[in-house]
Amino acid sequence: MKKIRYMQFALLGATILIFILWQTAIAKPPEKPGNPGVPGLLAKISELNDIVANQQEIIDQQAARIEELEDMLQNFAAVPQTGQTQSYSAGDDGDLQVGKPWPDPRFTDNGDGTVTDIMPSSA
């Protein structure tokens, strides 16, 4: 008789455990207005990961382009300033004063009847 009672309790316990596991497996998260739950959050995370990957690709392309442009700039010589300081119209040399500044003093007296131009040859 005790064996049958233990068997009944074991069977009842197993049934309850199976029921709980079954309910857990098929249960959905509670749906609330404006709350997509876990599936909605996973979809949003996937969407954001795609956006990040796309933006990283654009950043990589721009970085490669910057490197190309920096390499190109290495081939250009600096142009000396014209020395014009008075501006007569917007965008003229006196207005912008672009270029490499002249050394001051520009020439050095070598003391032997010659002078040396200090402006670098790359200018």
PDB file of N, CA and C in Angstrom:
ATOM      1  N   MET A   1       0.811  -1.190   0.000  1.00  0.00           N
ATOM      2  CA  MET A   1       0.000   0.000   0.000  1.00  0.00           C
ATOM      3  C   MET A   1       0.858   1.260   0.000  1.00  0.00           C
ATOM      4  N   LYS A   2       1.950   1.234   0.809  1.00  0.00           N
ATOM      5  CA  LYS A   2       2.842   2.379   0.826  1.00  0.00           C
ATOM      6  C   LYS A   2       3.484   2.577  -0.539  1.00  0.00           C
ATOM      7  N   LYS A   3       3.815   1.464  -1.212  1.00  0.00           N
ATOM      8  CA  LYS A   3       4.441   1.565  -2.519  1.00  0.00           C
ATOM      9  C   LYS A   3       3.505   2.233  -3.514  1.00  0.00           C
ATOM     10  N   ILE A   4       2.235   1.912  -3.453  1.00  0.00           N
ATOM     11  CA  ILE A   4       1.270   2.515  -4.373  1.00  0.00           C
ATOM     12  C   ILE A   4       1.136   4.007  -4.094  1.00  0.00           C
ATOM     13  N   ARG A   5       1.109   4.373  -2.821  1.00  0.00           N
ATOM     14  CA  ARG A   5       0.983   5.782  -2.464  1.00  0.00           C
ATOM     15  C   ARG A   5       2.221   6.557  -2.951  1.00  0.00           C
ATOM     16  N   TYR A   6       3.436   5.988  -2.757  1.00  0.00           N
ATOM     17  CA  TYR A   6       4.644   6.628  -3.248  1.00  0.00           C
ATOM     18  C   TYR A   6       4.609   6.759  -4.765  1.00  0.00           C
ATOM     19  N   MET A   7       4.090   5.732  -5.425  1.00  0.00           N
ATOM     20  CA  MET A   7       3.985   5.768  -6.883  1.00  0.00           C
ATOM     21  C   MET A   7       3.008   6.868  -7.316  1.00  0.00           C
ATOM     22  N   GLN A   8       1.911   7.020  -6.588  1.00  0.00           N
ATOM     23  CA  GLN A   8       0.939   8.053  -6.914  1.00  0.00           C
ATOM     24  C   GLN A   8       1.544   9.449  -6.730  1.00  0.00           C
ATOM     25  N   PHE A   9       2.287   9.652  -5.621  1.00  0.00           N
ATOM     26  CA  PHE A   9       2.937  10.947  -5.396  1.00  0.00           C
ATOM     27  C   PHE A   9       4.004  11.221  -6.460  1.00  0.00           C
ATOM     28  N   ALA A  10       4.756  10.199  -6.803  1.00  0.00           N
ATOM     29  CA  ALA A  10       5.785  10.352  -7.835  1.00  0.00           C
ATOM     30  C   ALA A  10       5.138  10.685  -9.170  1.00  0.00           C
ATOM     31  N   LEU A  11       4.037  10.004  -9.504  1.00  0.00           N
ATOM     32  CA  LEU A  11       3.328  10.270 -10.748  1.00  0.00           C
ATOM     33  C   LEU A  11       2.727  11.673 -10.743  1.00  0.00           C
ATOM     34  N   LEU A  12       2.152  12.080  -9.630  1.00  0.00           N
ATOM     35  CA  LEU A  12       1.593  13.423  -9.504  1.00  0.00           C
ATOM     36  C   LEU A  12       2.700  14.471  -9.625  1.00  0.00           C
ATOM     37  N   GLY A  13       3.833  14.262  -8.963  1.00  0.00           N
ATOM     38  CA  GLY A  13       4.972  15.185  -9.036  1.00  0.00           C
ATOM     39  C   GLY A  13       5.512  15.292 -10.451  1.00  0.00           C
ATOM     40  N   ALA A  14       5.631  14.152 -11.131  1.00  0.00           N
ATOM     41  CA  ALA A  14       6.122  14.149 -12.508  1.00  0.00           C
ATOM     42  C   ALA A  14       5.145  14.878 -13.412  1.00  0.00           C
ATOM     43  N   THR A  15       3.849  14.678 -13.200  1.00  0.00           N
ATOM     44  CA  THR A  15       2.833  15.359 -14.013  1.00  0.00           C
ATOM     45  C   THR A  15       2.906  16.872 -13.817  1.00  0.00           C
ATOM     46  N   ILE A  16       3.037  17.293 -12.572  1.00  0.00           N
ATOM     47  CA  ILE A  16       3.139  18.734 -12.293  1.00  0.00           C
ATOM     48  C   ILE A  16       4.406  19.308 -12.935  1.00  0.00           C
ATOM     49  N   LEU A  17       5.525  18.595 -12.816  1.00  0.00           N
ATOM     50  CA  LEU A  17       6.781  19.055 -13.408  1.00  0.00           C
ATOM     51  C   LEU A  17       6.669  19.164 -14.925  1.00  0.00           C
ATOM     52  N   ILE A  18       6.069  18.171 -15.553  1.00  0.00           N
ATOM     53  CA  ILE A  18       5.878  18.197 -17.006  1.00  0.00           C
ATOM     54  C   ILE A  18       4.979  19.363 -17.402  1.00  0.00           C
ATOM     55  N   PHE A  19       3.907  19.590 -16.648  1.00  0.00           N
ATOM     56  CA  PHE A  19       2.999  20.692 -16.932  1.00  0.00           C
ATOM     57  C   PHE A  19       3.724  22.041 -16.839  1.00  0.00           C
ATOM     58  N   ILE A  20       4.532  22.200 -15.787  1.00  0.00           N
ATOM     59  CA  ILE A  20       5.268  23.458 -15.608  1.00  0.00           C
ATOM     60  C   ILE A  20       6.256  23.661 -16.756  1.00  0.00           C
ATOM     61  N   LEU A  21       7.006  22.623 -17.105  1.00  0.00           N
ATOM     62  CA  LEU A  21       7.962  22.725 -18.206  1.00  0.00           C
ATOM     63  C   LEU A  21       7.263  23.016 -19.528  1.00  0.00           C
ATOM     64  N   TRP A  22       6.110  22.389 -19.754  1.00  0.00           N
ATOM     65  CA  TRP A  22       5.353  22.606 -20.977  1.00  0.00           C
ATOM     66  C   TRP A  22       4.856  24.054 -21.054  1.00  0.00           C
ATOM     67  N   GLN A  23       4.330  24.555 -19.953  1.00  0.00           N
ATOM     68  CA  GLN A  23       3.834  25.932 -19.925  1.00  0.00           C
ATOM     69  C   GLN A  23       4.979  26.930 -20.133  1.00  0.00           C
ATOM     70  N   THR A  24       6.147  26.646 -19.578  1.00  0.00           N
ATOM     71  CA  THR A  24       7.304  27.524 -19.734  1.00  0.00           C
ATOM     72  C   THR A  24       7.768  27.540 -21.186  1.00  0.00           C
ATOM     73  N   ALA A  25       7.737  26.372 -21.830  1.00  0.00           N
ATOM     74  CA  ALA A  25       8.217  26.266 -23.206  1.00  0.00           C
ATOM     75  C   ALA A  25       7.313  27.001 -24.188  1.00  0.00           C
ATOM     76  N   ILE A  26       6.013  27.005 -23.972  1.00  0.00           N
ATOM     77  CA  ILE A  26       5.095  27.632 -24.930  1.00  0.00           C
ATOM     78  C   ILE A  26       4.667  29.032 -24.526  1.00  0.00           C
ATOM     79  N   ALA A  27       5.045  29.429 -23.327  1.00  0.00           N
ATOM     80  CA  ALA A  27       4.596  30.735 -22.832  1.00  0.00           C
ATOM     81  C   ALA A  27       5.283  31.859 -23.595  1.00  0.00           C
ATOM     82  N   LYS A  28       4.560  32.925 -23.841  1.00  0.00           N
ATOM     83  CA  LYS A  28       5.101  34.120 -24.471  1.00  0.00           C
ATOM     84  C   LYS A  28       5.247  35.185 -23.392  1.00  0.00           C
ATOM     85  N   PRO A  29       6.143  36.158 -23.648  1.00  0.00           N
ATOM     86  CA  PRO A  29       6.215  37.257 -22.692  1.00  0.00           C
ATOM     87  C   PRO A  29       4.911  38.046 -22.741  1.00  0.00           C
ATOM     88  N   PRO A  30       4.546  38.639 -21.649  1.00  0.00           N
ATOM     89  CA  PRO A  30       3.295  39.412 -21.648  1.00  0.00           C
ATOM     90  C   PRO A  30       3.388  40.563 -22.632  1.00  0.00           C
ATOM     91  N   GLU A  31       2.333  40.760 -23.381  1.00  0.00           N
ATOM     92  CA  GLU A  31       2.314  41.845 -24.356  1.00  0.00           C
ATOM     93  C   GLU A  31       1.675  43.077 -23.730  1.00  0.00           C
ATOM     94  N   LYS A  32       2.410  44.174 -23.841  1.00  0.00           N
ATOM     95  CA  LYS A  32       1.920  45.437 -23.322  1.00  0.00           C
ATOM     96  C   LYS A  32       1.963  46.448 -24.466  1.00  0.00           C
ATOM     97  N   PRO A  33       1.081  47.399 -24.485  1.00  0.00           N
ATOM     98  CA  PRO A  33       1.117  48.406 -25.546  1.00  0.00           C
ATOM     99  C   PRO A  33       2.466  49.135 -25.567  1.00  0.00           C
ATOM    100  N   GLY A  34       3.098  49.174 -26.733  1.00  0.00           N
ATOM    101  CA  GLY A  34       4.379  49.853 -26.882  1.00  0.00           C
ATOM    102  C   GLY A  34       5.572  49.040 -26.409  1.00  0.00           C
ATOM    103  N   ASN A  35       5.344  47.813 -25.950  1.00  0.00           N
ATOM    104  CA  ASN A  35       6.435  46.964 -25.475  1.00  0.00           C
ATOM    105  C   ASN A  35       6.481  45.711 -26.340  1.00  0.00           C
ATOM    106  N   PRO A  36       7.462  45.623 -27.267  1.00  0.00           N
ATOM    107  CA  PRO A  36       7.508  44.481 -28.167  1.00  0.00           C
ATOM    108  C   PRO A  36       8.039  43.209 -27.521  1.00  0.00           C
ATOM    109  N   GLY A  37       8.525  43.309 -26.295  1.00  0.00           N
ATOM    110  CA  GLY A  37       9.051  42.136 -25.621  1.00  0.00           C
ATOM    111  C   GLY A  37      10.418  41.740 -26.164  1.00  0.00           C
ATOM    112  N   VAL A  38      10.869  40.565 -25.777  1.00  0.00           N
ATOM    113  CA  VAL A  38      12.193  40.085 -26.154  1.00  0.00           C
ATOM    114  C   VAL A  38      12.349  39.944 -27.671  1.00  0.00           C
ATOM    115  N   PRO A  39      11.381  39.360 -28.391  1.00  0.00           N
ATOM    116  CA  PRO A  39      11.563  39.255 -29.840  1.00  0.00           C
ATOM    117  C   PRO A  39      11.725  40.617 -30.520  1.00  0.00           C
ATOM    118  N   GLY A  40      10.957  41.589 -30.064  1.00  0.00           N
ATOM    119  CA  GLY A  40      11.072  42.934 -30.628  1.00  0.00           C
ATOM    120  C   GLY A  40      12.430  43.554 -30.321  1.00  0.00           C
ATOM    121  N   LEU A  41      12.928  43.325 -29.105  1.00  0.00           N
ATOM    122  CA  LEU A  41      14.238  43.861 -28.747  1.00  0.00           C
ATOM    123  C   LEU A  41      15.345  43.185 -29.551  1.00  0.00           C
ATOM    124  N   LEU A  42      15.235  41.886 -29.760  1.00  0.00           N
ATOM    125  CA  LEU A  42      16.231  41.179 -30.561  1.00  0.00           C
ATOM    126  C   LEU A  42      16.233  41.682 -32.001  1.00  0.00           C
ATOM    127  N   ALA A  43      15.057  41.961 -32.540  1.00  0.00           N
ATOM    128  CA  ALA A  43      14.966  42.500 -33.898  1.00  0.00           C
ATOM    129  C   ALA A  43      15.601  43.891 -33.958  1.00  0.00           C
ATOM    130  N   LYS A  44      15.365  44.716 -32.955  1.00  0.00           N
ATOM    131  CA  LYS A  44      15.946  46.061 -32.910  1.00  0.00           C
ATOM    132  C   LYS A  44      17.467  45.985 -32.790  1.00  0.00           C
ATOM    133  N   ILE A  45      17.967  45.063 -31.972  1.00  0.00           N
ATOM    134  CA  ILE A  45      19.417  44.885 -31.832  1.00  0.00           C
ATOM    135  C   ILE A  45      20.025  44.475 -33.167  1.00  0.00           C
ATOM    136  N   SER A  46      19.377  43.575 -33.869  1.00  0.00           N
ATOM    137  CA  SER A  46      19.868  43.137 -35.179  1.00  0.00           C
ATOM    138  C   SER A  46      19.883  44.318 -36.157  1.00  0.00           C
ATOM    139  N   GLU A  47      18.839  45.111 -36.139  1.00  0.00           N
ATOM    140  CA  GLU A  47      18.763  46.289 -37.014  1.00  0.00           C
ATOM    141  C   GLU A  47      19.879  47.279 -36.699  1.00  0.00           C
ATOM    142  N   LEU A  48      20.130  47.520 -35.404  1.00  0.00           N
ATOM    143  CA  LEU A  48      21.186  48.444 -35.014  1.00  0.00           C
ATOM    144  C   LEU A  48      22.568  47.900 -35.368  1.00  0.00           C
ATOM    145  N   ASN A  49      22.763  46.597 -35.246  1.00  0.00           N
ATOM    146  CA  ASN A  49      24.035  45.990 -35.642  1.00  0.00           C
ATOM    147  C   ASN A  49      24.290  46.193 -37.136  1.00  0.00           C
ATOM    148  N   ASP A  50      23.238  46.070 -37.943  1.00  0.00           N
ATOM    149  CA  ASP A  50      23.375  46.309 -39.386  1.00  0.00           C
ATOM    150  C   ASP A  50      23.758  47.764 -39.668  1.00  0.00           C
ATOM    151  N   ILE A  51      23.141  48.691 -38.954  1.00  0.00           N
ATOM    152  CA  ILE A  51      23.447  50.113 -39.126  1.00  0.00           C
ATOM    153  C   ILE A  51      24.898  50.388 -38.738  1.00  0.00           C
ATOM    154  N   VAL A  52      25.337  49.824 -37.615  1.00  0.00           N
ATOM    155  CA  VAL A  52      26.716  50.021 -37.161  1.00  0.00           C
ATOM    156  C   VAL A  52      27.698  49.460 -38.190  1.00  0.00           C
ATOM    157  N   ALA A  53      27.410  48.276 -38.722  1.00  0.00           N
ATOM    158  CA  ALA A  53      28.295  47.665 -39.726  1.00  0.00           C
ATOM    159  C   ALA A  53      28.371  48.548 -40.977  1.00  0.00           C
ATOM    160  N   ASN A  54      27.238  49.097 -41.388  1.00  0.00           N
ATOM    161  CA  ASN A  54      27.200  49.978 -42.557  1.00  0.00           C
ATOM    162  C   ASN A  54      28.005  51.253 -42.301  1.00  0.00           C
ATOM    163  N   GLN A  55      27.831  51.844 -41.132  1.00  0.00           N
ATOM    164  CA  GLN A  55      28.560  53.061 -40.794  1.00  0.00           C
ATOM    165  C   GLN A  55      30.063  52.786 -40.703  1.00  0.00           C
ATOM    166  N   GLN A  56      30.440  51.626 -40.168  1.00  0.00           N
ATOM    167  CA  GLN A  56      31.858  51.278 -40.077  1.00  0.00           C
ATOM    168  C   GLN A  56      32.467  51.129 -41.466  1.00  0.00           C
ATOM    169  N   GLU A  57      31.704  50.580 -42.392  1.00  0.00           N
ATOM    170  CA  GLU A  57      32.179  50.441 -43.774  1.00  0.00           C
ATOM    171  C   GLU A  57      32.422  51.823 -44.390  1.00  0.00           C
ATOM    172  N   ILE A  58      31.518  52.757 -44.142  1.00  0.00           N
ATOM    173  CA  ILE A  58      31.677  54.127 -44.651  1.00  0.00           C
ATOM    174  C   ILE A  58      32.902  54.782 -44.017  1.00  0.00           C
ATOM    175  N   ILE A  59      33.092  54.580 -42.716  1.00  0.00           N
ATOM    176  CA  ILE A  59      34.253  55.152 -42.020  1.00  0.00           C
ATOM    177  C   ILE A  59      35.541  54.590 -42.602  1.00  0.00           C
ATOM    178  N   ASP A  60      35.580  53.288 -42.849  1.00  0.00           N
ATOM    179  CA  ASP A  60      36.772  52.661 -43.423  1.00  0.00           C
ATOM    180  C   ASP A  60      37.073  53.217 -44.817  1.00  0.00           C
ATOM    181  N   GLN A  61      36.031  53.422 -45.622  1.00  0.00           N
ATOM    182  CA  GLN A  61      36.224  53.985 -46.960  1.00  0.00           C
ATOM    183  C   GLN A  61      36.772  55.411 -46.871  1.00  0.00           C
ATOM    184  N   GLN A  62      36.230  56.209 -45.953  1.00  0.00           N
ATOM    185  CA  GLN A  62      36.686  57.587 -45.805  1.00  0.00           C
ATOM    186  C   GLN A  62      38.120  57.633 -45.283  1.00  0.00           C
ATOM    187  N   ALA A  63      38.472  56.728 -44.374  1.00  0.00           N
ATOM    188  CA  ALA A  63      39.841  56.682 -43.853  1.00  0.00           C
ATOM    189  C   ALA A  63      40.819  56.334 -44.973  1.00  0.00           C
ATOM    190  N   ALA A  64      40.432  55.403 -45.840  1.00  0.00           N
ATOM    191  CA  ALA A  64      41.295  55.048 -46.975  1.00  0.00           C
ATOM    192  C   ALA A  64      41.450  56.246 -47.908  1.00  0.00           C
ATOM    193  N   ARG A  65      40.387  56.992 -48.131  1.00  0.00           N
ATOM    194  CA  ARG A  65      40.447  58.178 -48.999  1.00  0.00           C
ATOM    195  C   ARG A  65      41.340  59.253 -48.383  1.00  0.00           C
ATOM    196  N   ILE A  66      41.264  59.427 -47.075  1.00  0.00           N
ATOM    197  CA  ILE A  66      42.115  60.400 -46.389  1.00  0.00           C
ATOM    198  C   ILE A  66      43.584  60.021 -46.557  1.00  0.00           C
ATOM    199  N   GLU A  67      43.885  58.741 -46.425  1.00  0.00           N
ATOM    200  CA  GLU A  67      45.265  58.282 -46.619  1.00  0.00           C
ATOM    201  C   GLU A  67      45.739  58.575 -48.043  1.00  0.00           C
ATOM    202  N   GLU A  68      44.876  58.343 -49.026  1.00  0.00           N
ATOM    203  CA  GLU A  68      45.224  58.647 -50.422  1.00  0.00           C
ATOM    204  C   GLU A  68      45.532  60.130 -50.594  1.00  0.00           C
ATOM    205  N   LEU A  69      44.691  60.979 -50.033  1.00  0.00           N
ATOM    206  CA  LEU A  69      44.884  62.426 -50.163  1.00  0.00           C
ATOM    207  C   LEU A  69      46.150  62.884 -49.439  1.00  0.00           C
ATOM    208  N   GLU A  70      46.418  62.311 -48.266  1.00  0.00           N
ATOM    209  CA  GLU A  70      47.644  62.672 -47.552  1.00  0.00           C
ATOM    210  C   GLU A  70      48.868  62.271 -48.360  1.00  0.00           C
ATOM    211  N   ASP A  71      48.826  61.104 -49.008  1.00  0.00           N
ATOM    212  CA  ASP A  71      49.932  60.682 -49.861  1.00  0.00           C
ATOM    213  C   ASP A  71      50.118  61.650 -51.030  1.00  0.00           C
ATOM    214  N   MET A  72      48.998  62.113 -51.608  1.00  0.00           N
ATOM    215  CA  MET A  72      49.077  63.057 -52.719  1.00  0.00           C
ATOM    216  C   MET A  72      49.698  64.378 -52.270  1.00  0.00           C
ATOM    217  N   LEU A  73      49.368  64.823 -51.061  1.00  0.00           N
ATOM    218  CA  LEU A  73      49.886  66.097 -50.567  1.00  0.00           C
ATOM    219  C   LEU A  73      51.396  66.059 -50.358  1.00  0.00           C
ATOM    220  N   GLN A  74      51.952  64.893 -50.149  1.00  0.00           N
ATOM    221  CA  GLN A  74      53.396  64.776 -49.954  1.00  0.00           C
ATOM    222  C   GLN A  74      54.158  65.151 -51.229  1.00  0.00           C
ATOM    223  N   ASN A  75      53.497  65.124 -52.377  1.00  0.00           N
ATOM    224  CA  ASN A  75      54.141  65.416 -53.659  1.00  0.00           C
ATOM    225  C   ASN A  75      54.094  66.894 -54.044  1.00  0.00           C
ATOM    226  N   PHE A  76      53.499  67.738 -53.210  1.00  0.00           N
ATOM    227  CA  PHE A  76      53.382  69.146 -53.533  1.00  0.00           C
ATOM    228  C   PHE A  76      54.408  69.955 -52.758  1.00  0.00           C
ATOM    229  N   ALA A  77      55.018  70.914 -53.423  1.00  0.00           N
ATOM    230  CA  ALA A  77      55.981  71.815 -52.776  1.00  0.00           C
ATOM    231  C   ALA A  77      55.238  73.015 -52.215  1.00  0.00           C
ATOM    232  N   ALA A  78      55.730  73.505 -51.098  1.00  0.00           N
ATOM    233  CA  ALA A  78      55.140  74.709 -50.511  1.00  0.00           C
ATOM    234  C   ALA A  78      55.475  75.910 -51.381  1.00  0.00           C
ATOM    235  N   VAL A  79      54.507  76.766 -51.608  1.00  0.00           N
ATOM    236  CA  VAL A  79      54.690  77.966 -52.426  1.00  0.00           C
ATOM    237  C   VAL A  79      54.885  79.142 -51.474  1.00  0.00           C
ATOM    238  N   PRO A  80      55.918  79.964 -51.716  1.00  0.00           N
ATOM    239  CA  PRO A  80      56.131  81.114 -50.832  1.00  0.00           C
ATOM    240  C   PRO A  80      55.005  82.146 -50.958  1.00  0.00           C
ATOM    241  N   GLN A  81      54.814  82.882 -49.883  1.00  0.00           N
ATOM    242  CA  GLN A  81      53.841  83.978 -49.910  1.00  0.00           C
ATOM    243  C   GLN A  81      54.328  85.057 -50.866  1.00  0.00           C
ATOM    244  N   THR A  82      53.393  85.792 -51.427  1.00  0.00           N
ATOM    245  CA  THR A  82      53.768  86.863 -52.362  1.00  0.00           C
ATOM    246  C   THR A  82      54.316  88.081 -51.624  1.00  0.00           C
ATOM    247  N   GLY A  83      53.962  88.217 -50.368  1.00  0.00           N
ATOM    248  CA  GLY A  83      54.399  89.390 -49.608  1.00  0.00           C
ATOM    249  C   GLY A  83      53.394  90.515 -49.658  1.00  0.00           C
ATOM    250  N   GLN A  84      52.346  90.375 -50.469  1.00  0.00           N
ATOM    251  CA  GLN A  84      51.324  91.418 -50.555  1.00  0.00           C
ATOM    252  C   GLN A  84      50.546  91.437 -49.250  1.00  0.00           C
ATOM    253  N   THR A  85      50.456  92.608 -48.619  1.00  0.00           N
ATOM    254  CA  THR A  85      49.722  92.732 -47.361  1.00  0.00           C
ATOM    255  C   THR A  85      48.475  93.588 -47.514  1.00  0.00           C
ATOM    256  N   GLN A  86      48.447  94.423 -48.532  1.00  0.00           N
ATOM    257  CA  GLN A  86      47.277  95.265 -48.788  1.00  0.00           C
ATOM    258  C   GLN A  86      46.275  94.471 -49.620  1.00  0.00           C
ATOM    259  N   SER A  87      45.033  94.433 -49.161  1.00  0.00           N
ATOM    260  CA  SER A  87      43.996  93.729 -49.900  1.00  0.00           C
ATOM    261  C   SER A  87      43.205  94.729 -50.737  1.00  0.00           C
ATOM    262  N   TYR A  88      43.036  94.417 -52.021  1.00  0.00           N
ATOM    263  CA  TYR A  88      42.289  95.282 -52.931  1.00  0.00           C
ATOM    264  C   TYR A  88      40.924  94.698 -53.277  1.00  0.00           C
ATOM    265  N   SER A  89      40.773  93.373 -53.065  1.00  0.00           N
ATOM    266  CA  SER A  89      39.467  92.727 -53.253  1.00  0.00           C
ATOM    267  C   SER A  89      39.482  91.408 -52.488  1.00  0.00           C
ATOM    268  N   ALA A  90      38.300  90.971 -52.154  1.00  0.00           N
ATOM    269  CA  ALA A  90      38.186  89.726 -51.386  1.00  0.00           C
ATOM    270  C   ALA A  90      38.793  88.571 -52.170  1.00  0.00           C
ATOM    271  N   GLY A  91      39.636  87.784 -51.504  1.00  0.00           N
ATOM    272  CA  GLY A  91      40.233  86.612 -52.124  1.00  0.00           C
ATOM    273  C   GLY A  91      41.557  86.867 -52.806  1.00  0.00           C
ATOM    274  N   ASP A  92      42.062  88.140 -52.789  1.00  0.00           N
ATOM    275  CA  ASP A  92      43.372  88.372 -53.403  1.00  0.00           C
ATOM    276  C   ASP A  92      44.478  88.004 -52.411  1.00  0.00           C
ATOM    277  N   ASP A  93      45.750  88.099 -52.847  1.00  0.00           N
ATOM    278  CA  ASP A  93      46.880  87.687 -52.007  1.00  0.00           C
ATOM    279  C   ASP A  93      46.951  88.452 -50.691  1.00  0.00           C
ATOM    280  N   GLY A  94      46.632  89.739 -50.734  1.00  0.00           N
ATOM    281  CA  GLY A  94      46.654  90.536 -49.500  1.00  0.00           C
ATOM    282  C   GLY A  94      45.580  90.104 -48.519  1.00  0.00           C
ATOM    283  N   ASP A  95      44.473  89.612 -49.052  1.00  0.00           N
ATOM    284  CA  ASP A  95      43.370  89.143 -48.206  1.00  0.00           C
ATOM    285  C   ASP A  95      43.692  87.775 -47.604  1.00  0.00           C
ATOM    286  N   LEU A  96      44.143  86.852 -48.422  1.00  0.00           N
ATOM    287  CA  LEU A  96      44.344  85.474 -47.971  1.00  0.00           C
ATOM    288  C   LEU A  96      45.713  85.240 -47.340  1.00  0.00           C
ATOM    289  N   GLN A  97      46.743  85.838 -47.910  1.00  0.00           N
ATOM    290  CA  GLN A  97      48.123  85.686 -47.451  1.00  0.00           C
ATOM    291  C   GLN A  97      48.487  84.210 -47.229  1.00  0.00           C
ATOM    292  N   VAL A  98      48.183  83.394 -48.234  1.00  0.00           N
ATOM    293  CA  VAL A  98      48.486  81.971 -48.157  1.00  0.00           C
ATOM    294  C   VAL A  98      49.913  81.715 -48.629  1.00  0.00           C
ATOM    295  N   GLY A  99      50.410  80.565 -48.353  1.00  0.00           N
ATOM    296  CA  GLY A  99      51.748  80.169 -48.774  1.00  0.00           C
ATOM    297  C   GLY A  99      52.698  80.089 -47.599  1.00  0.00           C
ATOM    298  N   LYS A 100      53.910  79.682 -47.907  1.00  0.00           N
ATOM    299  CA  LYS A 100      54.923  79.527 -46.879  1.00  0.00           C
ATOM    300  C   LYS A 100      55.557  80.885 -46.593  1.00  0.00           C
ATOM    301  N   PRO A 101      55.646  81.274 -45.306  1.00  0.00           N
ATOM    302  CA  PRO A 101      56.252  82.578 -44.994  1.00  0.00           C
ATOM    303  C   PRO A 101      57.746  82.596 -45.350  1.00  0.00           C
ATOM    304  N   TRP A 102      58.239  83.754 -45.746  1.00  0.00           N
ATOM    305  CA  TRP A 102      59.650  83.923 -46.059  1.00  0.00           C
ATOM    306  C   TRP A 102      60.452  83.961 -44.761  1.00  0.00           C
ATOM    307  N   PRO A 103      61.661  83.423 -44.776  1.00  0.00           N
ATOM    308  CA  PRO A 103      62.489  83.520 -43.573  1.00  0.00           C
ATOM    309  C   PRO A 103      62.918  84.974 -43.346  1.00  0.00           C
ATOM    310  N   ASP A 104      63.141  85.313 -42.106  1.00  0.00           N
ATOM    311  CA  ASP A 104      63.559  86.675 -41.783  1.00  0.00           C
ATOM    312  C   ASP A 104      64.800  86.596 -40.905  1.00  0.00           C
ATOM    313  N   PRO A 105      65.946  86.928 -41.370  1.00  0.00           N
ATOM    314  CA  PRO A 105      66.229  87.514 -42.676  1.00  0.00           C
ATOM    315  C   PRO A 105      66.244  86.448 -43.756  1.00  0.00           C
ATOM    316  N   ARG A 106      66.017  86.878 -44.973  1.00  0.00           N
ATOM    317  CA  ARG A 106      65.952  85.941 -46.091  1.00  0.00           C
ATOM    318  C   ARG A 106      67.332  85.544 -46.569  1.00  0.00           C
ATOM    319  N   PHE A 107      68.272  86.469 -46.538  1.00  0.00           N
ATOM    320  CA  PHE A 107      69.613  86.205 -47.047  1.00  0.00           C
ATOM    321  C   PHE A 107      70.635  86.279 -45.918  1.00  0.00           C
ATOM    322  N   THR A 108      71.697  85.518 -46.064  1.00  0.00           N
ATOM    323  CA  THR A 108      72.797  85.548 -45.109  1.00  0.00           C
ATOM    324  C   THR A 108      74.059  85.978 -45.851  1.00  0.00           C
ATOM    325  N   ASP A 109      74.753  86.959 -45.278  1.00  0.00           N
ATOM    326  CA  ASP A 109      76.025  87.421 -45.859  1.00  0.00           C
ATOM    327  C   ASP A 109      77.106  86.426 -45.460  1.00  0.00           C
ATOM    328  N   ASN A 110      77.755  85.842 -46.441  1.00  0.00           N
ATOM    329  CA  ASN A 110      78.786  84.852 -46.166  1.00  0.00           C
ATOM    330  C   ASN A 110      80.127  85.493 -45.806  1.00  0.00           C
ATOM    331  N   GLY A 111      80.242  86.824 -45.927  1.00  0.00           N
ATOM    332  CA  GLY A 111      81.471  87.524 -45.568  1.00  0.00           C
ATOM    333  C   GLY A 111      82.563  87.414 -46.619  1.00  0.00           C
ATOM    334  N   ASP A 112      82.279  86.815 -47.732  1.00  0.00           N
ATOM    335  CA  ASP A 112      83.289  86.672 -48.778  1.00  0.00           C
ATOM    336  C   ASP A 112      82.810  87.274 -50.097  1.00  0.00           C
ATOM    337  N   GLY A 113      81.840  88.175 -50.001  1.00  0.00           N
ATOM    338  CA  GLY A 113      81.321  88.809 -51.198  1.00  0.00           C
ATOM    339  C   GLY A 113      80.141  88.057 -51.805  1.00  0.00           C
ATOM    340  N   THR A 114      79.703  86.998 -51.105  1.00  0.00           N
ATOM    341  CA  THR A 114      78.535  86.225 -51.583  1.00  0.00           C
ATOM    342  C   THR A 114      77.472  86.221 -50.506  1.00  0.00           C
ATOM    343  N   VAL A 115      76.268  85.927 -50.922  1.00  0.00           N
ATOM    344  CA  VAL A 115      75.153  85.779 -49.979  1.00  0.00           C
ATOM    345  C   VAL A 115      74.486  84.433 -50.205  1.00  0.00           C
ATOM    346  N   THR A 116      73.839  83.919 -49.177  1.00  0.00           N
ATOM    347  CA  THR A 116      73.119  82.648 -49.275  1.00  0.00           C
ATOM    348  C   THR A 116      71.627  82.914 -49.086  1.00  0.00           C
ATOM    349  N   ASP A 117      70.838  82.396 -50.017  1.00  0.00           N
ATOM    350  CA  ASP A 117      69.369  82.494 -49.911  1.00  0.00           C
ATOM    351  C   ASP A 117      68.905  81.424 -48.941  1.00  0.00           C
ATOM    352  N   ILE A 118      68.268  81.828 -47.858  1.00  0.00           N
ATOM    353  CA  ILE A 118      67.854  80.871 -46.812  1.00  0.00           C
ATOM    354  C   ILE A 118      66.563  80.147 -47.179  1.00  0.00           C
ATOM    355  N   MET A 119      65.805  80.699 -48.129  1.00  0.00           N
ATOM    356  CA  MET A 119      64.541  80.043 -48.499  1.00  0.00           C
ATOM    357  C   MET A 119      64.849  78.625 -48.948  1.00  0.00           C
ATOM    358  N   PRO A 120      64.252  77.625 -48.308  1.00  0.00           N
ATOM    359  CA  PRO A 120      64.528  76.230 -48.694  1.00  0.00           C
ATOM    360  C   PRO A 120      64.184  75.969 -50.156  1.00  0.00           C
ATOM    361  N   SER A 121      64.902  75.091 -50.759  1.00  0.00           N
ATOM    362  CA  SER A 121      64.694  74.800 -52.186  1.00  0.00           C
ATOM    363  C   SER A 121      63.360  74.119 -52.429  1.00  0.00           C
ATOM    364  N   SER A 122      62.745  73.551 -51.379  1.00  0.00           N
ATOM    365  CA  SER A 122      61.448  72.897 -51.566  1.00  0.00           C
ATOM    366  C   SER A 122      60.316  73.898 -51.661  1.00  0.00           C
ATOM    367  N   ALA A 123      60.621  75.177 -51.380  1.00  0.00           N
ATOM    368  CA  ALA A 123      59.562  76.184 -51.383  1.00  0.00           C
ATOM    369  C   ALA A 123      59.226  76.647 -52.762  1.00  0.00           C
TER     370      ALA A 123
END
